Amino acid sequence: MKYSILQIDDSYFQGERCPYGFMDWLFAQEHGFDIAHYKVTGTYDMEGKPSLEDIFTCHNRDDRPDKDIARSFSVSDIVFLDDCFYYCNPCGWKNIDDIISYRDAARIIDMIKEAW
């Protein structure tokens, strides 16, 4: 099953640190979360139907996919799986489909589908 990873686009903040990078969902909401601050860093295929935990584990191993060009998976990263967006919290996941505008979701999904 295919899935994509979105990570904060550091270039958006012009040398400054994202105020909610590596923070939980509630903190991110309170500090200006915007899906436009993210970029698709990879699209992958995993056998079967991977869980979010399977994806997290896969992208934190020493032999993770694209380890030479992509950082490990962290809190505040987003997974697009089964047509849903999931924000990584320190403990668990938050489905954020209801937070993302239709226009932003369509733009990201178009980028993902181009990579597939």
PDB file of N, CA and C in Angstrom:
ATOM      1  N   MET A   1       0.845  -1.183   0.000  1.00  0.00           N
ATOM      2  CA  MET A   1       0.000   0.000   0.000  1.00  0.00           C
ATOM      3  C   MET A   1       0.886   1.241   0.000  1.00  0.00           C
ATOM      4  N   LYS A   2       0.480   2.205  -0.800  1.00  0.00           N
ATOM      5  CA  LYS A   2       1.261   3.432  -0.911  1.00  0.00           C
ATOM      6  C   LYS A   2       0.882   4.421   0.188  1.00  0.00           C
ATOM      7  N   TYR A   3       1.881   5.201   0.598  1.00  0.00           N
ATOM      8  CA  TYR A   3       1.683   6.265   1.579  1.00  0.00           C
ATOM      9  C   TYR A   3       2.731   7.338   1.313  1.00  0.00           C
ATOM     10  N   SER A   4       2.497   8.509   1.845  1.00  0.00           N
ATOM     11  CA  SER A   4       3.451   9.609   1.691  1.00  0.00           C
ATOM     12  C   SER A   4       3.734  10.239   3.037  1.00  0.00           C
ATOM     13  N   ILE A   5       4.912  10.823   3.123  1.00  0.00           N
ATOM     14  CA  ILE A   5       5.326  11.537   4.328  1.00  0.00           C
ATOM     15  C   ILE A   5       5.478  13.009   3.985  1.00  0.00           C
ATOM     16  N   LEU A   6       4.942  13.850   4.856  1.00  0.00           N
ATOM     17  CA  LEU A   6       5.083  15.294   4.739  1.00  0.00           C
ATOM     18  C   LEU A   6       5.855  15.779   5.962  1.00  0.00           C
ATOM     19  N   GLN A   7       6.839  16.641   5.712  1.00  0.00           N
ATOM     20  CA  GLN A   7       7.621  17.214   6.796  1.00  0.00           C
ATOM     21  C   GLN A   7       7.666  18.724   6.609  1.00  0.00           C
ATOM     22  N   ILE A   8       7.905  19.422   7.693  1.00  0.00           N
ATOM     23  CA  ILE A   8       7.943  20.883   7.645  1.00  0.00           C
ATOM     24  C   ILE A   8       9.007  21.334   6.657  1.00  0.00           C
ATOM     25  N   ASP A   9       8.640  22.280   5.815  1.00  0.00           N
ATOM     26  CA  ASP A   9       9.541  22.851   4.824  1.00  0.00           C
ATOM     27  C   ASP A   9      10.300  23.998   5.488  1.00  0.00           C
ATOM     28  N   ASP A  10      11.534  23.733   5.860  1.00  0.00           N
ATOM     29  CA  ASP A  10      12.333  24.733   6.578  1.00  0.00           C
ATOM     30  C   ASP A  10      12.516  26.019   5.782  1.00  0.00           C
ATOM     31  N   SER A  11      12.504  25.934   4.468  1.00  0.00           N
ATOM     32  CA  SER A  11      12.707  27.140   3.660  1.00  0.00           C
ATOM     33  C   SER A  11      11.558  28.138   3.834  1.00  0.00           C
ATOM     34  N   TYR A  12      10.405  27.651   4.232  1.00  0.00           N
ATOM     35  CA  TYR A  12       9.264  28.548   4.446  1.00  0.00           C
ATOM     36  C   TYR A  12       9.552  29.561   5.556  1.00  0.00           C
ATOM     37  N   PHE A  13      10.368  29.177   6.532  1.00  0.00           N
ATOM     38  CA  PHE A  13      10.613  30.019   7.709  1.00  0.00           C
ATOM     39  C   PHE A  13      11.879  30.857   7.593  1.00  0.00           C
ATOM     40  N   GLN A  14      12.517  30.874   6.440  1.00  0.00           N
ATOM     41  CA  GLN A  14      13.660  31.737   6.120  1.00  0.00           C
ATOM     42  C   GLN A  14      14.712  31.748   7.229  1.00  0.00           C
ATOM     43  N   GLY A  15      15.185  30.554   7.568  1.00  0.00           N
ATOM     44  CA  GLY A  15      16.255  30.448   8.552  1.00  0.00           C
ATOM     45  C   GLY A  15      15.803  30.372   9.995  1.00  0.00           C
ATOM     46  N   GLU A  16      14.554  30.660  10.252  1.00  0.00           N
ATOM     47  CA  GLU A  16      14.020  30.550  11.605  1.00  0.00           C
ATOM     48  C   GLU A  16      13.456  29.150  11.815  1.00  0.00           C
ATOM     49  N   ARG A  17      13.348  28.759  13.063  1.00  0.00           N
ATOM     50  CA  ARG A  17      12.773  27.448  13.386  1.00  0.00           C
ATOM     51  C   ARG A  17      11.247  27.546  13.370  1.00  0.00           C
ATOM     52  N   CYS A  18      10.604  26.546  12.812  1.00  0.00           N
ATOM     53  CA  CYS A  18       9.143  26.498  12.825  1.00  0.00           C
ATOM     54  C   CYS A  18       8.672  26.497  14.278  1.00  0.00           C
ATOM     55  N   PRO A  19       7.728  27.346  14.641  1.00  0.00           N
ATOM     56  CA  PRO A  19       7.326  27.449  16.052  1.00  0.00           C
ATOM     57  C   PRO A  19       6.676  26.188  16.616  1.00  0.00           C
ATOM     58  N   TYR A  20       6.201  25.317  15.756  1.00  0.00           N
ATOM     59  CA  TYR A  20       5.552  24.107  16.273  1.00  0.00           C
ATOM     60  C   TYR A  20       6.245  22.825  15.815  1.00  0.00           C
ATOM     61  N   GLY A  21       7.413  22.952  15.209  1.00  0.00           N
ATOM     62  CA  GLY A  21       8.157  21.775  14.780  1.00  0.00           C
ATOM     63  C   GLY A  21       8.520  20.889  15.959  1.00  0.00           C
ATOM     64  N   PHE A  22       8.315  19.606  15.797  1.00  0.00           N
ATOM     65  CA  PHE A  22       8.611  18.597  16.818  1.00  0.00           C
ATOM     66  C   PHE A  22       7.728  18.741  18.061  1.00  0.00           C
ATOM     67  N   MET A  23       6.566  19.354  17.896  1.00  0.00           N
ATOM     68  CA  MET A  23       5.654  19.563  19.026  1.00  0.00           C
ATOM     69  C   MET A  23       4.339  18.823  18.776  1.00  0.00           C
ATOM     70  N   ASP A  24       3.571  18.627  19.846  1.00  0.00           N
ATOM     71  CA  ASP A  24       2.311  17.893  19.730  1.00  0.00           C
ATOM     72  C   ASP A  24       1.250  18.724  19.012  1.00  0.00           C
ATOM     73  N   TRP A  25       0.147  18.055  18.691  1.00  0.00           N
ATOM     74  CA  TRP A  25      -0.907  18.663  17.889  1.00  0.00           C
ATOM     75  C   TRP A  25      -1.524  19.886  18.561  1.00  0.00           C
ATOM     76  N   LEU A  26      -1.821  19.811  19.830  1.00  0.00           N
ATOM     77  CA  LEU A  26      -2.432  20.962  20.501  1.00  0.00           C
ATOM     78  C   LEU A  26      -1.517  22.178  20.452  1.00  0.00           C
ATOM     79  N   PHE A  27      -0.238  21.972  20.699  1.00  0.00           N
ATOM     80  CA  PHE A  27       0.733  23.061  20.623  1.00  0.00           C
ATOM     81  C   PHE A  27       0.777  23.621  19.200  1.00  0.00           C
ATOM     82  N   ALA A  28       0.795  22.728  18.222  1.00  0.00           N
ATOM     83  CA  ALA A  28       0.847  23.171  16.820  1.00  0.00           C
ATOM     84  C   ALA A  28      -0.355  24.040  16.472  1.00  0.00           C
ATOM     85  N   GLN A  29      -1.533  23.628  16.908  1.00  0.00           N
ATOM     86  CA  GLN A  29      -2.737  24.422  16.633  1.00  0.00           C
ATOM     87  C   GLN A  29      -2.644  25.799  17.272  1.00  0.00           C
ATOM     88  N   GLU A  30      -2.125  25.846  18.474  1.00  0.00           N
ATOM     89  CA  GLU A  30      -2.021  27.124  19.196  1.00  0.00           C
ATOM     90  C   GLU A  30      -0.932  28.029  18.639  1.00  0.00           C
ATOM     91  N   HIS A  31      -0.015  27.468  17.835  1.00  0.00           N
ATOM     92  CA  HIS A  31       1.124  28.236  17.350  1.00  0.00           C
ATOM     93  C   HIS A  31       1.188  28.320  15.826  1.00  0.00           C
ATOM     94  N   GLY A  32       0.023  28.297  15.199  1.00  0.00           N
ATOM     95  CA  GLY A  32      -0.054  28.620  13.777  1.00  0.00           C
ATOM     96  C   GLY A  32       0.106  27.474  12.796  1.00  0.00           C
ATOM     97  N   PHE A  33      -0.284  26.255  13.171  1.00  0.00           N
ATOM     98  CA  PHE A  33      -0.205  25.139  12.230  1.00  0.00           C
ATOM     99  C   PHE A  33      -0.839  25.525  10.900  1.00  0.00           C
ATOM    100  N   ASP A  34      -0.124  25.182   9.824  1.00  0.00           N
ATOM    101  CA  ASP A  34      -0.647  25.403   8.478  1.00  0.00           C
ATOM    102  C   ASP A  34      -0.038  24.328   7.580  1.00  0.00           C
ATOM    103  N   ILE A  35      -0.861  23.562   6.917  1.00  0.00           N
ATOM    104  CA  ILE A  35      -0.376  22.489   6.043  1.00  0.00           C
ATOM    105  C   ILE A  35       0.481  23.061   4.913  1.00  0.00           C
ATOM    106  N   ALA A  36       0.325  24.337   4.605  1.00  0.00           N
ATOM    107  CA  ALA A  36       1.155  24.971   3.578  1.00  0.00           C
ATOM    108  C   ALA A  36       2.619  25.040   3.999  1.00  0.00           C
ATOM    109  N   HIS A  37       2.907  24.870   5.282  1.00  0.00           N
ATOM    110  CA  HIS A  37       4.282  24.876   5.781  1.00  0.00           C
ATOM    111  C   HIS A  37       4.988  23.538   5.538  1.00  0.00           C
ATOM    112  N   TYR A  38       4.290  22.580   4.954  1.00  0.00           N
ATOM    113  CA  TYR A  38       4.823  21.225   4.760  1.00  0.00           C
ATOM    114  C   TYR A  38       5.120  20.958   3.300  1.00  0.00           C
ATOM    115  N   LYS A  39       6.032  20.011   3.083  1.00  0.00           N
ATOM    116  CA  LYS A  39       6.295  19.521   1.735  1.00  0.00           C
ATOM    117  C   LYS A  39       6.287  17.998   1.777  1.00  0.00           C
ATOM    118  N   VAL A  40       5.986  17.403   0.644  1.00  0.00           N
ATOM    119  CA  VAL A  40       6.029  15.948   0.528  1.00  0.00           C
ATOM    120  C   VAL A  40       7.503  15.567   0.407  1.00  0.00           C
ATOM    121  N   THR A  41       7.987  14.782   1.364  1.00  0.00           N
ATOM    122  CA  THR A  41       9.404  14.392   1.347  1.00  0.00           C
ATOM    123  C   THR A  41       9.616  12.988   0.805  1.00  0.00           C
ATOM    124  N   GLY A  42       8.537  12.241   0.629  1.00  0.00           N
ATOM    125  CA  GLY A  42       8.687  10.916   0.062  1.00  0.00           C
ATOM    126  C   GLY A  42       7.364  10.199  -0.086  1.00  0.00           C
ATOM    127  N   THR A  43       7.293   9.363  -1.094  1.00  0.00           N
ATOM    128  CA  THR A  43       6.148   8.495  -1.315  1.00  0.00           C
ATOM    129  C   THR A  43       6.688   7.081  -1.415  1.00  0.00           C
ATOM    130  N   TYR A  44       6.059   6.182  -0.689  1.00  0.00           N
ATOM    131  CA  TYR A  44       6.608   4.833  -0.521  1.00  0.00           C
ATOM    132  C   TYR A  44       5.516   3.792  -0.704  1.00  0.00           C
ATOM    133  N   ASP A  45       5.955   2.561  -0.841  1.00  0.00           N
ATOM    134  CA  ASP A  45       5.036   1.444  -0.965  1.00  0.00           C
ATOM    135  C   ASP A  45       5.467   0.386   0.042  1.00  0.00           C
ATOM    136  N   MET A  46       4.544  -0.064   0.868  1.00  0.00           N
ATOM    137  CA  MET A  46       4.821  -1.095   1.858  1.00  0.00           C
ATOM    138  C   MET A  46       3.858  -2.243   1.610  1.00  0.00           C
ATOM    139  N   GLU A  47       4.348  -3.461   1.703  1.00  0.00           N
ATOM    140  CA  GLU A  47       3.488  -4.617   1.474  1.00  0.00           C
ATOM    141  C   GLU A  47       2.356  -4.667   2.488  1.00  0.00           C
ATOM    142  N   GLY A  48       1.217  -5.170   2.030  1.00  0.00           N
ATOM    143  CA  GLY A  48       0.072  -5.304   2.917  1.00  0.00           C
ATOM    144  C   GLY A  48      -0.544  -3.958   3.225  1.00  0.00           C
ATOM    145  N   LYS A  49      -1.143  -3.866   4.377  1.00  0.00           N
ATOM    146  CA  LYS A  49      -1.760  -2.620   4.829  1.00  0.00           C
ATOM    147  C   LYS A  49      -1.030  -2.155   6.077  1.00  0.00           C
ATOM    148  N   PRO A  50      -0.051  -1.261   5.913  1.00  0.00           N
ATOM    149  CA  PRO A  50       0.745  -0.838   7.057  1.00  0.00           C
ATOM    150  C   PRO A  50      -0.062   0.020   8.028  1.00  0.00           C
ATOM    151  N   SER A  51       0.251  -0.122   9.291  1.00  0.00           N
ATOM    152  CA  SER A  51      -0.327   0.770  10.296  1.00  0.00           C
ATOM    153  C   SER A  51       0.549   2.022  10.374  1.00  0.00           C
ATOM    154  N   LEU A  52       0.049   3.036  11.030  1.00  0.00           N
ATOM    155  CA  LEU A  52       0.848   4.240  11.231  1.00  0.00           C
ATOM    156  C   LEU A  52       2.105   3.913  12.031  1.00  0.00           C
ATOM    157  N   GLU A  53       1.981   3.020  12.991  1.00  0.00           N
ATOM    158  CA  GLU A  53       3.145   2.613  13.786  1.00  0.00           C
ATOM    159  C   GLU A  53       4.170   1.886  12.920  1.00  0.00           C
ATOM    160  N   ASP A  54       3.714   1.064  11.969  1.00  0.00           N
ATOM    161  CA  ASP A  54       4.637   0.394  11.047  1.00  0.00           C
ATOM    162  C   ASP A  54       5.438   1.425  10.253  1.00  0.00           C
ATOM    163  N   ILE A  55       4.755   2.456   9.796  1.00  0.00           N
ATOM    164  CA  ILE A  55       5.411   3.509   9.012  1.00  0.00           C
ATOM    165  C   ILE A  55       6.404   4.264   9.877  1.00  0.00           C
ATOM    166  N   PHE A  56       5.988   4.623  11.089  1.00  0.00           N
ATOM    167  CA  PHE A  56       6.873   5.336  12.010  1.00  0.00           C
ATOM    168  C   PHE A  56       8.138   4.514  12.254  1.00  0.00           C
ATOM    169  N   THR A  57       7.965   3.238  12.552  1.00  0.00           N
ATOM    170  CA  THR A  57       9.106   2.361  12.836  1.00  0.00           C
ATOM    171  C   THR A  57      10.024   2.236  11.621  1.00  0.00           C
ATOM    172  N   CYS A  58       9.444   2.021  10.459  1.00  0.00           N
ATOM    173  CA  CYS A  58      10.223   1.871   9.227  1.00  0.00           C
ATOM    174  C   CYS A  58      11.103   3.091   8.971  1.00  0.00           C
ATOM    175  N   HIS A  59      10.586   4.279   9.229  1.00  0.00           N
ATOM    176  CA  HIS A  59      11.303   5.515   8.914  1.00  0.00           C
ATOM    177  C   HIS A  59      12.144   6.033  10.075  1.00  0.00           C
ATOM    178  N   ASN A  60      12.356   5.183  11.065  1.00  0.00           N
ATOM    179  CA  ASN A  60      13.266   5.526  12.158  1.00  0.00           C
ATOM    180  C   ASN A  60      14.374   4.489  12.326  1.00  0.00           C
ATOM    181  N   ARG A  61      14.425   3.522  11.441  1.00  0.00           N
ATOM    182  CA  ARG A  61      15.490   2.513  11.479  1.00  0.00           C
ATOM    183  C   ARG A  61      16.747   3.065  10.807  1.00  0.00           C
ATOM    184  N   ASP A  62      17.869   2.443  11.113  1.00  0.00           N
ATOM    185  CA  ASP A  62      19.118   2.831  10.454  1.00  0.00           C
ATOM    186  C   ASP A  62      19.068   2.570   8.953  1.00  0.00           C
ATOM    187  N   ASP A  63      18.294   1.559   8.549  1.00  0.00           N
ATOM    188  CA  ASP A  63      18.181   1.229   7.118  1.00  0.00           C
ATOM    189  C   ASP A  63      16.880   1.756   6.507  1.00  0.00           C
ATOM    190  N   ARG A  64      16.400   2.886   7.001  1.00  0.00           N
ATOM    191  CA  ARG A  64      15.141   3.461   6.514  1.00  0.00           C
ATOM    192  C   ARG A  64      15.259   3.874   5.046  1.00  0.00           C
ATOM    193  N   PRO A  65      14.126   3.929   4.366  1.00  0.00           N
ATOM    194  CA  PRO A  65      14.138   4.381   2.965  1.00  0.00           C
ATOM    195  C   PRO A  65      14.651   5.821   2.867  1.00  0.00           C
ATOM    196  N   ASP A  66      15.441   6.088   1.865  1.00  0.00           N
ATOM    197  CA  ASP A  66      15.954   7.442   1.579  1.00  0.00           C
ATOM    198  C   ASP A  66      16.723   8.057   2.742  1.00  0.00           C
ATOM    199  N   LYS A  67      17.407   7.240   3.534  1.00  0.00           N
ATOM    200  CA  LYS A  67      18.072   7.776   4.725  1.00  0.00           C
ATOM    201  C   LYS A  67      19.154   8.797   4.387  1.00  0.00           C
ATOM    202  N   ASP A  68      19.684   8.756   3.171  1.00  0.00           N
ATOM    203  CA  ASP A  68      20.728   9.709   2.800  1.00  0.00           C
ATOM    204  C   ASP A  68      20.179  11.087   2.445  1.00  0.00           C
ATOM    205  N   ILE A  69      18.873  11.155   2.176  1.00  0.00           N
ATOM    206  CA  ILE A  69      18.299  12.453   1.783  1.00  0.00           C
ATOM    207  C   ILE A  69      17.145  12.909   2.673  1.00  0.00           C
ATOM    208  N   ALA A  70      16.638  12.026   3.525  1.00  0.00           N
ATOM    209  CA  ALA A  70      15.490  12.388   4.361  1.00  0.00           C
ATOM    210  C   ALA A  70      15.815  12.117   5.830  1.00  0.00           C
ATOM    211  N   ARG A  71      15.390  13.012   6.683  1.00  0.00           N
ATOM    212  CA  ARG A  71      15.606  12.780   8.111  1.00  0.00           C
ATOM    213  C   ARG A  71      14.618  11.728   8.605  1.00  0.00           C
ATOM    214  N   SER A  72      14.861  11.232   9.788  1.00  0.00           N
ATOM    215  CA  SER A  72      13.958  10.236  10.360  1.00  0.00           C
ATOM    216  C   SER A  72      12.600  10.865  10.647  1.00  0.00           C
ATOM    217  N   PHE A  73      11.621  10.019  10.840  1.00  0.00           N
ATOM    218  CA  PHE A  73      10.250  10.466  11.108  1.00  0.00           C
ATOM    219  C   PHE A  73      10.155  10.977  12.538  1.00  0.00           C
ATOM    220  N   SER A  74       9.468  12.087  12.735  1.00  0.00           N
ATOM    221  CA  SER A  74       9.419  12.732  14.050  1.00  0.00           C
ATOM    222  C   SER A  74       8.029  13.253  14.369  1.00  0.00           C
ATOM    223  N   VAL A  75       7.863  13.631  15.622  1.00  0.00           N
ATOM    224  CA  VAL A  75       6.655  14.330  16.050  1.00  0.00           C
ATOM    225  C   VAL A  75       6.509  15.575  15.182  1.00  0.00           C
ATOM    226  N   SER A  76       5.314  15.857  14.750  1.00  0.00           N
ATOM    227  CA  SER A  76       4.882  16.966  13.884  1.00  0.00           C
ATOM    228  C   SER A  76       4.951  16.608  12.405  1.00  0.00           C
ATOM    229  N   ASP A  77       5.506  15.448  12.058  1.00  0.00           N
ATOM    230  CA  ASP A  77       5.455  14.997  10.669  1.00  0.00           C
ATOM    231  C   ASP A  77       4.049  14.446  10.386  1.00  0.00           C
ATOM    232  N   ILE A  78       3.720  14.363   9.119  1.00  0.00           N
ATOM    233  CA  ILE A  78       2.382  13.942   8.703  1.00  0.00           C
ATOM    234  C   ILE A  78       2.503  12.756   7.745  1.00  0.00           C
ATOM    235  N   VAL A  79       1.599  11.790   7.915  1.00  0.00           N
ATOM    236  CA  VAL A  79       1.494  10.663   6.990  1.00  0.00           C
ATOM    237  C   VAL A  79       0.180  10.808   6.229  1.00  0.00           C
ATOM    238  N   PHE A  80       0.249  10.607   4.917  1.00  0.00           N
ATOM    239  CA  PHE A  80      -0.951  10.522   4.093  1.00  0.00           C
ATOM    240  C   PHE A  80      -1.127   9.055   3.755  1.00  0.00           C
ATOM    241  N   LEU A  81      -2.176   8.432   4.285  1.00  0.00           N
ATOM    242  CA  LEU A  81      -2.424   7.001   4.141  1.00  0.00           C
ATOM    243  C   LEU A  81      -3.925   6.783   4.020  1.00  0.00           C
ATOM    244  N   ASP A  82      -4.347   5.963   3.078  1.00  0.00           N
ATOM    245  CA  ASP A  82      -5.778   5.673   2.883  1.00  0.00           C
ATOM    246  C   ASP A  82      -6.599   6.947   2.708  1.00  0.00           C
ATOM    247  N   ASP A  83      -6.054   7.898   1.948  1.00  0.00           N
ATOM    248  CA  ASP A  83      -6.735   9.175   1.673  1.00  0.00           C
ATOM    249  C   ASP A  83      -7.006  10.004   2.918  1.00  0.00           C
ATOM    250  N   CYS A  84      -6.196   9.824   3.956  1.00  0.00           N
ATOM    251  CA  CYS A  84      -6.326  10.600   5.194  1.00  0.00           C
ATOM    252  C   CYS A  84      -4.967  11.147   5.610  1.00  0.00           C
ATOM    253  N   PHE A  85      -4.997  12.299   6.282  1.00  0.00           N
ATOM    254  CA  PHE A  85      -3.792  12.923   6.810  1.00  0.00           C
ATOM    255  C   PHE A  85      -3.734  12.683   8.319  1.00  0.00           C
ATOM    256  N   TYR A  86      -2.557  12.222   8.798  1.00  0.00           N
ATOM    257  CA  TYR A  86      -2.367  11.938  10.221  1.00  0.00           C
ATOM    258  C   TYR A  86      -1.146  12.694  10.731  1.00  0.00           C
ATOM    259  N   TYR A  87      -1.336  13.452  11.790  1.00  0.00           N
ATOM    260  CA  TYR A  87      -0.270  14.207  12.441  1.00  0.00           C
ATOM    261  C   TYR A  87       0.333  13.341  13.536  1.00  0.00           C
ATOM    262  N   CYS A  88       1.654  13.255  13.584  1.00  0.00           N
ATOM    263  CA  CYS A  88       2.333  12.433  14.585  1.00  0.00           C
ATOM    264  C   CYS A  88       2.474  13.203  15.899  1.00  0.00           C
ATOM    265  N   ASN A  89       1.857  12.683  16.936  1.00  0.00           N
ATOM    266  CA  ASN A  89       1.971  13.217  18.292  1.00  0.00           C
ATOM    267  C   ASN A  89       3.046  12.449  19.044  1.00  0.00           C
ATOM    268  N   PRO A  90       3.489  12.938  20.208  1.00  0.00           N
ATOM    269  CA  PRO A  90       4.462  12.180  20.995  1.00  0.00           C
ATOM    270  C   PRO A  90       3.950  10.783  21.360  1.00  0.00           C
ATOM    271  N   CYS A  91       2.672  10.665  21.568  1.00  0.00           N
ATOM    272  CA  CYS A  91       2.049   9.365  21.860  1.00  0.00           C
ATOM    273  C   CYS A  91       0.799   9.238  21.002  1.00  0.00           C
ATOM    274  N   GLY A  92       0.937   8.619  19.850  1.00  0.00           N
ATOM    275  CA  GLY A  92      -0.220   8.397  19.000  1.00  0.00           C
ATOM    276  C   GLY A  92      -0.310   9.362  17.835  1.00  0.00           C
ATOM    277  N   TRP A  93      -1.490   9.380  17.231  1.00  0.00           N
ATOM    278  CA  TRP A  93      -1.728  10.086  15.976  1.00  0.00           C
ATOM    279  C   TRP A  93      -3.014  10.882  16.051  1.00  0.00           C
ATOM    280  N   LYS A  94      -3.090  11.947  15.276  1.00  0.00           N
ATOM    281  CA  LYS A  94      -4.298  12.767  15.182  1.00  0.00           C
ATOM    282  C   LYS A  94      -4.688  12.867  13.718  1.00  0.00           C
ATOM    283  N   ASN A  95      -5.897  12.401  13.389  1.00  0.00           N
ATOM    284  CA  ASN A  95      -6.412  12.582  12.048  1.00  0.00           C
ATOM    285  C   ASN A  95      -6.738  14.064  11.901  1.00  0.00           C
ATOM    286  N   ILE A  96      -6.152  14.715  10.911  1.00  0.00           N
ATOM    287  CA  ILE A  96      -6.335  16.164  10.756  1.00  0.00           C
ATOM    288  C   ILE A  96      -7.089  16.519   9.480  1.00  0.00           C
ATOM    289  N   ASP A  97      -7.817  15.563   8.923  1.00  0.00           N
ATOM    290  CA  ASP A  97      -8.577  15.839   7.702  1.00  0.00           C
ATOM    291  C   ASP A  97      -9.526  17.015   7.866  1.00  0.00           C
ATOM    292  N   ASP A  98     -10.142  17.146   9.028  1.00  0.00           N
ATOM    293  CA  ASP A  98     -11.127  18.211   9.234  1.00  0.00           C
ATOM    294  C   ASP A  98     -10.483  19.587   9.405  1.00  0.00           C
ATOM    295  N   ILE A  99      -9.172  19.642   9.569  1.00  0.00           N
ATOM    296  CA  ILE A  99      -8.460  20.906   9.755  1.00  0.00           C
ATOM    297  C   ILE A  99      -7.949  21.460   8.425  1.00  0.00           C
ATOM    298  N   ILE A 100      -7.701  20.574   7.475  1.00  0.00           N
ATOM    299  CA  ILE A 100      -7.098  20.958   6.204  1.00  0.00           C
ATOM    300  C   ILE A 100      -8.186  21.390   5.226  1.00  0.00           C
ATOM    301  N   SER A 101      -7.988  22.532   4.611  1.00  0.00           N
ATOM    302  CA  SER A 101      -8.977  23.007   3.644  1.00  0.00           C
ATOM    303  C   SER A 101      -8.992  22.099   2.422  1.00  0.00           C
ATOM    304  N   TYR A 102     -10.104  22.093   1.747  1.00  0.00           N
ATOM    305  CA  TYR A 102     -10.230  21.281   0.533  1.00  0.00           C
ATOM    306  C   TYR A 102      -9.162  21.663  -0.484  1.00  0.00           C
ATOM    307  N   ARG A 103      -8.928  22.958  -0.638  1.00  0.00           N
ATOM    308  CA  ARG A 103      -7.945  23.451  -1.616  1.00  0.00           C
ATOM    309  C   ARG A 103      -6.539  22.958  -1.269  1.00  0.00           C
ATOM    310  N   ASP A 104      -6.155  23.055   0.018  1.00  0.00           N
ATOM    311  CA  ASP A 104      -4.825  22.593   0.420  1.00  0.00           C
ATOM    312  C   ASP A 104      -4.699  21.084   0.275  1.00  0.00           C
ATOM    313  N   ALA A 105      -5.732  20.355   0.654  1.00  0.00           N
ATOM    314  CA  ALA A 105      -5.699  18.893   0.531  1.00  0.00           C
ATOM    315  C   ALA A 105      -5.561  18.498  -0.935  1.00  0.00           C
ATOM    316  N   ALA A 106      -6.298  19.147  -1.811  1.00  0.00           N
ATOM    317  CA  ALA A 106      -6.234  18.827  -3.240  1.00  0.00           C
ATOM    318  C   ALA A 106      -4.843  19.109  -3.800  1.00  0.00           C
ATOM    319  N   ARG A 107      -4.238  20.212  -3.385  1.00  0.00           N
ATOM    320  CA  ARG A 107      -2.889  20.564  -3.850  1.00  0.00           C
ATOM    321  C   ARG A 107      -1.882  19.500  -3.421  1.00  0.00           C
ATOM    322  N   ILE A 108      -1.950  19.072  -2.177  1.00  0.00           N
ATOM    323  CA  ILE A 108      -1.009  18.070  -1.667  1.00  0.00           C
ATOM    324  C   ILE A 108      -1.257  16.718  -2.324  1.00  0.00           C
ATOM    325  N   ILE A 109      -2.501  16.341  -2.446  1.00  0.00           N
ATOM    326  CA  ILE A 109      -2.820  15.058  -3.073  1.00  0.00           C
ATOM    327  C   ILE A 109      -2.346  15.034  -4.519  1.00  0.00           C
ATOM    328  N   ASP A 110      -2.453  16.152  -5.228  1.00  0.00           N
ATOM    329  CA  ASP A 110      -1.936  16.227  -6.601  1.00  0.00           C
ATOM    330  C   ASP A 110      -0.422  15.991  -6.626  1.00  0.00           C
ATOM    331  N   MET A 111       0.317  16.601  -5.675  1.00  0.00           N
ATOM    332  CA  MET A 111       1.767  16.388  -5.591  1.00  0.00           C
ATOM    333  C   MET A 111       2.086  14.921  -5.308  1.00  0.00           C
ATOM    334  N   ILE A 112       1.324  14.320  -4.416  1.00  0.00           N
ATOM    335  CA  ILE A 112       1.545  12.926  -4.050  1.00  0.00           C
ATOM    336  C   ILE A 112       1.287  12.018  -5.245  1.00  0.00           C
ATOM    337  N   LYS A 113       0.190  12.254  -5.934  1.00  0.00           N
ATOM    338  CA  LYS A 113      -0.166  11.400  -7.075  1.00  0.00           C
ATOM    339  C   LYS A 113       0.840  11.522  -8.208  1.00  0.00           C
ATOM    340  N   GLU A 114       1.456  12.687  -8.368  1.00  0.00           N
ATOM    341  CA  GLU A 114       2.508  12.843  -9.368  1.00  0.00           C
ATOM    342  C   GLU A 114       3.696  11.942  -9.028  1.00  0.00           C
ATOM    343  N   ALA A 115       3.989  11.818  -7.734  1.00  0.00           N
ATOM    344  CA  ALA A 115       5.115  10.975  -7.299  1.00  0.00           C
ATOM    345  C   ALA A 115       4.791   9.490  -7.433  1.00  0.00           C
ATOM    346  N   TRP A 116       3.515   9.119  -7.368  1.00  0.00           N
ATOM    347  CA  TRP A 116       3.121   7.711  -7.465  1.00  0.00           C
ATOM    348  C   TRP A 116       3.271   7.263  -8.886  1.00  0.00           C
TER     349      TRP A 116
END
